[in-house]
């Protein structure tokens, strides 16, 4: 990796709590307490511990262990696209009932 790029990326890096409000508005519940299993390295952890990047054209959450893409949100004037393909459907994933 390039040191200059690493420094820039580190400055933009937040934790999953940074997107909690936005995700709660979109999904209707607090996701920061949910357990997520990374589809890349299979490490389990809470959403709040994911690495968040929010200054691009959308929001990206990455695994803190392997940096694999966990969740991506892109908003356009017409729609909101939520990509969850980096999450392994897991037996240990928390289910929230309303």
C-alpha atoms as a PDB file:
ATOM      1  CA  UNK A   1       0.000   0.000   0.000  1.00  0.00           C
ATOM      2  CA  UNK A   2       0.986   3.604  -0.508  1.00  0.00           C
ATOM      3  CA  UNK A   3       1.685   5.485   2.771  1.00  0.00           C
ATOM      4  CA  UNK A   4      -0.076   8.659   1.566  1.00  0.00           C
ATOM      5  CA  UNK A   5      -3.195   6.676   0.652  1.00  0.00           C
ATOM      6  CA  UNK A   6      -3.116   4.832   3.980  1.00  0.00           C
ATOM      7  CA  UNK A   7      -3.026   8.160   5.849  1.00  0.00           C
ATOM      8  CA  UNK A   8      -5.973   9.524   3.866  1.00  0.00           C
ATOM      9  CA  UNK A   9      -7.983   6.326   4.395  1.00  0.00           C
ATOM     10  CA  UNK A  10      -7.205   6.365   8.123  1.00  0.00           C
ATOM     11  CA  UNK A  11      -8.475   9.950   8.403  1.00  0.00           C
ATOM     12  CA  UNK A  12     -11.778   8.964   6.755  1.00  0.00           C
ATOM     13  CA  UNK A  13     -12.241   5.795   8.821  1.00  0.00           C
ATOM     14  CA  UNK A  14     -15.068   5.808  11.395  1.00  0.00           C
ATOM     15  CA  UNK A  15     -16.815   3.047  13.325  1.00  0.00           C
ATOM     16  CA  UNK A  16     -20.248   1.613  12.580  1.00  0.00           C
ATOM     17  CA  UNK A  17     -21.886   4.029  15.008  1.00  0.00           C
ATOM     18  CA  UNK A  18     -21.278   6.790  12.435  1.00  0.00           C
ATOM     19  CA  UNK A  19     -24.025   5.368  10.208  1.00  0.00           C
ATOM     20  CA  UNK A  20     -26.381   4.241  12.988  1.00  0.00           C
ATOM     21  CA  UNK A  21     -28.868   7.082  12.555  1.00  0.00           C
ATOM     22  CA  UNK A  22     -29.038   6.730   8.789  1.00  0.00           C
ATOM     23  CA  UNK A  23     -29.488   2.953   8.989  1.00  0.00           C
ATOM     24  CA  UNK A  24     -32.162   3.305  11.670  1.00  0.00           C
ATOM     25  CA  UNK A  25     -34.093   5.695   9.414  1.00  0.00           C
ATOM     26  CA  UNK A  26     -33.814   3.287   6.469  1.00  0.00           C
ATOM     27  CA  UNK A  27     -34.412   0.001   8.298  1.00  0.00           C
ATOM     28  CA  UNK A  28     -36.508   1.081  11.266  1.00  0.00           C
ATOM     29  CA  UNK A  29     -34.341  -0.309  14.070  1.00  0.00           C
ATOM     30  CA  UNK A  30     -30.947   0.146  15.738  1.00  0.00           C
ATOM     31  CA  UNK A  31     -28.457  -2.012  13.835  1.00  0.00           C
ATOM     32  CA  UNK A  32     -25.444  -1.196  16.007  1.00  0.00           C
ATOM     33  CA  UNK A  33     -26.273  -4.016  18.428  1.00  0.00           C
ATOM     34  CA  UNK A  34     -26.798  -6.636  15.712  1.00  0.00           C
ATOM     35  CA  UNK A  35     -24.301  -9.441  15.295  1.00  0.00           C
ATOM     36  CA  UNK A  36     -22.885  -9.667  11.771  1.00  0.00           C
ATOM     37  CA  UNK A  37     -20.770 -12.452  10.291  1.00  0.00           C
ATOM     38  CA  UNK A  38     -18.305 -11.334   7.615  1.00  0.00           C
ATOM     39  CA  UNK A  39     -18.851 -13.174   4.349  1.00  0.00           C
ATOM     40  CA  UNK A  40     -15.135 -12.971   3.605  1.00  0.00           C
ATOM     41  CA  UNK A  41     -13.266 -14.035   6.773  1.00  0.00           C
ATOM     42  CA  UNK A  42     -16.299 -15.326   8.769  1.00  0.00           C
ATOM     43  CA  UNK A  43     -15.399 -13.225  11.805  1.00  0.00           C
ATOM     44  CA  UNK A  44     -18.416 -12.356  13.936  1.00  0.00           C
ATOM     45  CA  UNK A  45     -18.943  -8.993  15.574  1.00  0.00           C
ATOM     46  CA  UNK A  46     -21.417  -6.200  16.192  1.00  0.00           C
ATOM     47  CA  UNK A  47     -22.212  -3.604  13.529  1.00  0.00           C
ATOM     48  CA  UNK A  48     -20.873  -0.859  15.787  1.00  0.00           C
ATOM     49  CA  UNK A  49     -17.369  -2.333  15.385  1.00  0.00           C
ATOM     50  CA  UNK A  50     -17.429  -2.285  11.585  1.00  0.00           C
ATOM     51  CA  UNK A  51     -15.263   0.261   9.769  1.00  0.00           C
ATOM     52  CA  UNK A  52     -17.386   2.974   8.149  1.00  0.00           C
ATOM     53  CA  UNK A  53     -16.553   5.257   5.249  1.00  0.00           C
ATOM     54  CA  UNK A  54     -19.201   7.940   4.749  1.00  0.00           C
ATOM     55  CA  UNK A  55     -17.602  10.713   2.688  1.00  0.00           C
ATOM     56  CA  UNK A  56     -17.958   9.119  -0.728  1.00  0.00           C
ATOM     57  CA  UNK A  57     -21.006   8.922  -2.955  1.00  0.00           C
ATOM     58  CA  UNK A  58     -22.512   6.462  -0.474  1.00  0.00           C
ATOM     59  CA  UNK A  59     -21.809   4.711   2.799  1.00  0.00           C
ATOM     60  CA  UNK A  60     -19.568   1.671   3.050  1.00  0.00           C
ATOM     61  CA  UNK A  61     -19.098  -0.630   6.043  1.00  0.00           C
ATOM     62  CA  UNK A  62     -16.105  -2.968   6.048  1.00  0.00           C
ATOM     63  CA  UNK A  63     -14.949  -5.803   8.281  1.00  0.00           C
ATOM     64  CA  UNK A  64     -12.362  -4.552  10.807  1.00  0.00           C
ATOM     65  CA  UNK A  65     -10.447  -7.833  10.468  1.00  0.00           C
ATOM     66  CA  UNK A  66     -10.123  -8.400   6.704  1.00  0.00           C
ATOM     67  CA  UNK A  67     -11.521  -5.100   5.298  1.00  0.00           C
ATOM     68  CA  UNK A  68     -14.045  -7.048   3.200  1.00  0.00           C
ATOM     69  CA  UNK A  69     -17.146  -5.152   2.080  1.00  0.00           C
ATOM     70  CA  UNK A  70     -20.032  -5.854   4.476  1.00  0.00           C
ATOM     71  CA  UNK A  71     -22.653  -3.252   3.615  1.00  0.00           C
ATOM     72  CA  UNK A  72     -22.976  -0.531   1.016  1.00  0.00           C
ATOM     73  CA  UNK A  73     -25.663   2.143   0.760  1.00  0.00           C
ATOM     74  CA  UNK A  74     -26.098   4.420  -2.234  1.00  0.00           C
ATOM     75  CA  UNK A  75     -28.805   7.088  -2.384  1.00  0.00           C
ATOM     76  CA  UNK A  76     -30.053   8.545  -5.633  1.00  0.00           C
ATOM     77  CA  UNK A  77     -32.870  11.064  -6.083  1.00  0.00           C
ATOM     78  CA  UNK A  78     -35.207   8.194  -7.011  1.00  0.00           C
ATOM     79  CA  UNK A  79     -34.099   5.303  -4.794  1.00  0.00           C
ATOM     80  CA  UNK A  80     -31.913   3.907  -2.046  1.00  0.00           C
ATOM     81  CA  UNK A  81     -29.773   0.858  -2.820  1.00  0.00           C
ATOM     82  CA  UNK A  82     -28.635  -1.287   0.098  1.00  0.00           C
ATOM     83  CA  UNK A  83     -26.089  -3.998  -0.700  1.00  0.00           C
ATOM     84  CA  UNK A  84     -25.750  -6.595   2.077  1.00  0.00           C
ATOM     85  CA  UNK A  85     -23.928  -9.279   0.119  1.00  0.00           C
ATOM     86  CA  UNK A  86     -20.880  -9.137   2.422  1.00  0.00           C
ATOM     87  CA  UNK A  87     -22.882 -10.465   5.375  1.00  0.00           C
ATOM     88  CA  UNK A  88     -23.068 -14.214   5.842  1.00  0.00           C
ATOM     89  CA  UNK A  89     -26.562 -15.269   6.864  1.00  0.00           C
ATOM     90  CA  UNK A  90     -25.747 -16.652  10.272  1.00  0.00           C
ATOM     91  CA  UNK A  91     -27.353 -18.702  12.928  1.00  0.00           C
ATOM     92  CA  UNK A  92     -25.984 -16.252  15.474  1.00  0.00           C
ATOM     93  CA  UNK A  93     -27.366 -13.153  13.755  1.00  0.00           C
ATOM     94  CA  UNK A  94     -29.703 -11.288  16.062  1.00  0.00           C
ATOM     95  CA  UNK A  95     -33.364 -11.214  15.090  1.00  0.00           C
ATOM     96  CA  UNK A  96     -35.324  -8.145  16.057  1.00  0.00           C
ATOM     97  CA  UNK A  97     -39.073  -8.517  16.350  1.00  0.00           C
ATOM     98  CA  UNK A  98     -41.362  -5.519  16.188  1.00  0.00           C
END
